Amino acid sequence: MRLIDTNKLYKKLAPIPAATLAFEANVRSDTAEMVAITESQPQFNFVAASTAYRKRFMSLTQLSLIYGTFYWKSRAILLQRLSTYDENAVLKIAATLGSLEQALIRACEQLAVNVESVKQLGAVPAEDSYGEYADEALTAEYTEMFMGIGSD
């Protein structure tokens, strides 16, 4: 099929299927197809908040959701390890949870955002605290990761 015929087909696609095809083309590194699909879609000019505002808002949202994912995965592993009565495994997971929490506190201080707000969006209870089990090296790694996610 010629490129012109393909472009006519792309113009008939609704936004969701078009975006799916563009995503798949991008994964295949087929830049020409991705551009053709993107250019076939209607173009709009938008009035929106500043890019700095939107980036900051999305970064903090991602930080919250990623923290929540790590927290709940670690909590599930902790509950599993508790059922095996393996004290070393339990302490290792408690150290992970403590390090995550301490890293979040440090990152939130540096990012000037309320840690309770970040926890709340991630559906993490504010009163849960494993900080006493934190490992300093692990805390440093998590802090660096959280700063990378939450920074503008």
Protein backbone atom coordinates (compact mmCIF):
# COMPACT_ATOMS: atom_id res chain seq x y z
CA MET A 1 0.00 0.00 0.00
CA ARG A 2 1.28 3.43 -0.88
CA LEU A 3 1.97 6.02 1.82
CA ILE A 4 -0.80 8.30 0.47
CA ASP A 5 -3.35 5.48 0.79
CA THR A 6 -2.12 4.71 4.28
CA ASN A 7 -2.43 8.36 5.29
CA LYS A 8 -6.05 8.36 4.10
CA LEU A 9 -6.73 5.33 6.29
CA TYR A 10 -5.01 6.97 9.27
CA LYS A 11 -7.25 10.04 8.91
CA LYS A 12 -10.30 7.83 9.45
CA LEU A 13 -9.02 6.56 12.80
CA ALA A 14 -10.49 7.81 16.05
CA PRO A 15 -7.93 9.24 18.53
CA ILE A 16 -7.66 6.15 20.78
CA PRO A 17 -6.93 3.58 18.04
CA ALA A 18 -4.63 6.09 16.34
CA ALA A 19 -2.68 6.63 19.56
CA THR A 20 -2.42 2.85 20.02
CA LEU A 21 -1.02 2.40 16.50
CA ALA A 22 1.38 5.31 17.02
CA PHE A 23 2.57 3.79 20.30
CA GLU A 24 3.19 0.44 18.61
CA ALA A 25 5.02 2.13 15.73
CA ASN A 26 7.17 4.00 18.24
CA VAL A 27 8.03 0.75 20.03
CA ARG A 28 9.08 -0.73 16.68
CA SER A 29 11.16 2.43 16.05
CA ASP A 30 9.10 3.12 12.93
CA THR A 31 9.36 6.89 13.09
CA ALA A 32 7.85 7.47 9.65
CA GLU A 33 4.67 5.59 10.52
CA MET A 34 4.44 7.23 13.93
CA VAL A 35 4.74 10.70 12.36
CA ALA A 36 2.22 9.83 9.64
CA ILE A 37 -0.32 8.66 12.22
CA THR A 38 0.27 11.70 14.44
CA GLU A 39 -0.02 14.13 11.54
CA SER A 40 -3.25 12.48 10.38
CA GLN A 41 -4.98 13.44 13.61
CA PRO A 42 -6.73 16.80 13.99
CA GLN A 43 -4.45 19.45 15.45
CA PHE A 44 -5.61 21.87 18.14
CA ASN A 45 -4.21 24.84 19.99
CA PHE A 46 -4.78 24.72 23.73
CA VAL A 47 -4.75 27.25 26.49
CA ALA A 48 -3.27 25.61 29.57
CA ALA A 49 -1.37 26.28 32.74
CA SER A 50 2.36 26.84 32.41
CA THR A 51 4.52 23.86 31.56
CA ALA A 52 6.43 24.33 34.83
CA TYR A 53 3.16 24.08 36.77
CA ARG A 54 1.98 21.01 34.86
CA LYS A 55 5.34 19.29 35.12
CA ARG A 56 5.54 19.90 38.87
CA PHE A 57 1.96 18.71 39.41
CA MET A 58 2.53 15.53 37.37
CA SER A 59 5.91 14.85 39.02
CA LEU A 60 4.39 15.02 42.50
CA THR A 61 1.46 12.87 41.41
CA GLN A 62 3.84 10.26 40.00
CA LEU A 63 5.92 10.36 43.18
CA SER A 64 2.79 9.66 45.24
CA LEU A 65 1.64 6.78 43.08
CA ILE A 66 5.07 5.19 42.79
CA TYR A 67 5.62 5.48 46.54
CA GLY A 68 2.22 3.88 47.12
CA THR A 69 3.04 1.02 44.75
CA PHE A 70 6.38 0.33 46.45
CA TYR A 71 4.81 0.60 49.90
CA TRP A 72 1.92 -1.77 49.25
CA LYS A 73 4.09 -4.30 47.43
CA SER A 74 6.50 -4.31 50.37
CA ARG A 75 3.63 -4.59 52.86
CA ALA A 76 2.27 -7.62 50.99
CA ILE A 77 5.70 -9.25 51.05
CA LEU A 78 6.00 -8.45 54.76
CA LEU A 79 2.70 -10.18 55.51
CA GLN A 80 3.80 -13.18 53.51
CA ARG A 81 7.13 -13.36 55.34
CA LEU A 82 5.39 -13.03 58.71
CA SER A 83 3.43 -16.17 57.91
CA THR A 84 6.66 -18.12 57.35
CA TYR A 85 8.13 -17.11 60.72
CA ASP A 86 11.40 -16.18 58.98
CA GLU A 87 12.71 -13.40 61.23
CA ASN A 88 15.57 -12.37 58.92
CA ALA A 89 13.23 -12.03 55.95
CA VAL A 90 10.77 -10.01 58.03
CA LEU A 91 13.50 -7.65 59.22
CA LYS A 92 14.78 -7.21 55.66
CA ILE A 93 11.34 -6.18 54.41
CA ALA A 94 10.81 -3.95 57.45
CA ALA A 95 14.12 -2.27 56.55
CA THR A 96 12.81 -1.73 53.02
CA LEU A 97 9.61 -0.18 54.35
CA GLY A 98 11.54 1.98 56.82
CA SER A 99 13.97 3.10 54.16
CA LEU A 100 11.12 3.94 51.77
CA GLU A 101 9.46 6.04 54.45
CA GLN A 102 12.63 7.86 55.50
CA ALA A 103 13.51 8.50 51.86
CA LEU A 104 10.07 9.92 51.20
CA ILE A 105 10.38 12.24 54.20
CA ARG A 106 13.79 13.45 52.99
CA ALA A 107 12.61 13.91 49.41
CA CYS A 108 9.48 15.77 50.51
CA GLU A 109 11.57 18.12 52.64
CA GLN A 110 13.82 18.88 49.67
CA LEU A 111 10.86 19.24 47.32
CA ALA A 112 8.96 21.42 49.83
CA VAL A 113 5.84 19.25 49.70
CA ASN A 114 3.78 17.84 52.56
CA VAL A 115 4.70 14.18 53.10
CA GLU A 116 1.19 13.37 54.36
CA SER A 117 -0.27 14.60 51.06
CA VAL A 118 2.09 12.38 49.09
CA LYS A 119 1.20 9.39 51.27
CA GLN A 120 -2.53 10.12 51.05
CA LEU A 121 -2.61 10.07 47.25
CA GLY A 122 -0.65 6.79 47.30
CA ALA A 123 -3.27 5.40 49.73
CA VAL A 124 -0.56 4.89 52.36
CA PRO A 125 -1.69 5.31 55.98
CA ALA A 126 -0.07 8.35 57.60
CA GLU A 127 0.40 6.51 60.91
CA ASP A 128 2.28 3.52 59.46
CA SER A 129 5.90 3.85 60.50
CA TYR A 130 8.76 1.47 59.90
CA GLY A 131 11.39 4.21 60.21
CA GLU A 132 13.17 2.50 63.09
CA TYR A 133 14.11 -0.37 60.74
CA ALA A 134 15.52 1.88 57.99
CA ASP A 135 18.86 1.08 56.41
CA GLU A 136 20.91 4.21 55.64
CA ALA A 137 22.33 2.97 52.31
CA LEU A 138 18.91 1.88 51.10
CA THR A 139 17.37 5.14 52.30
CA ALA A 140 19.96 7.08 50.27
CA GLU A 141 19.12 5.07 47.14
CA TYR A 142 15.38 5.59 47.56
CA THR A 143 15.87 9.29 48.28
CA GLU A 144 17.81 9.70 45.04
CA MET A 145 15.11 7.83 43.13
CA PHE A 146 12.27 9.87 44.69
CA MET A 147 14.11 13.12 43.97
CA GLY A 148 14.48 12.06 40.35
CA ILE A 149 10.75 11.41 40.12
CA GLY A 150 9.57 14.48 42.03
CA SER A 151 12.01 17.07 40.72
CA ASP A 152 10.96 19.64 38.16
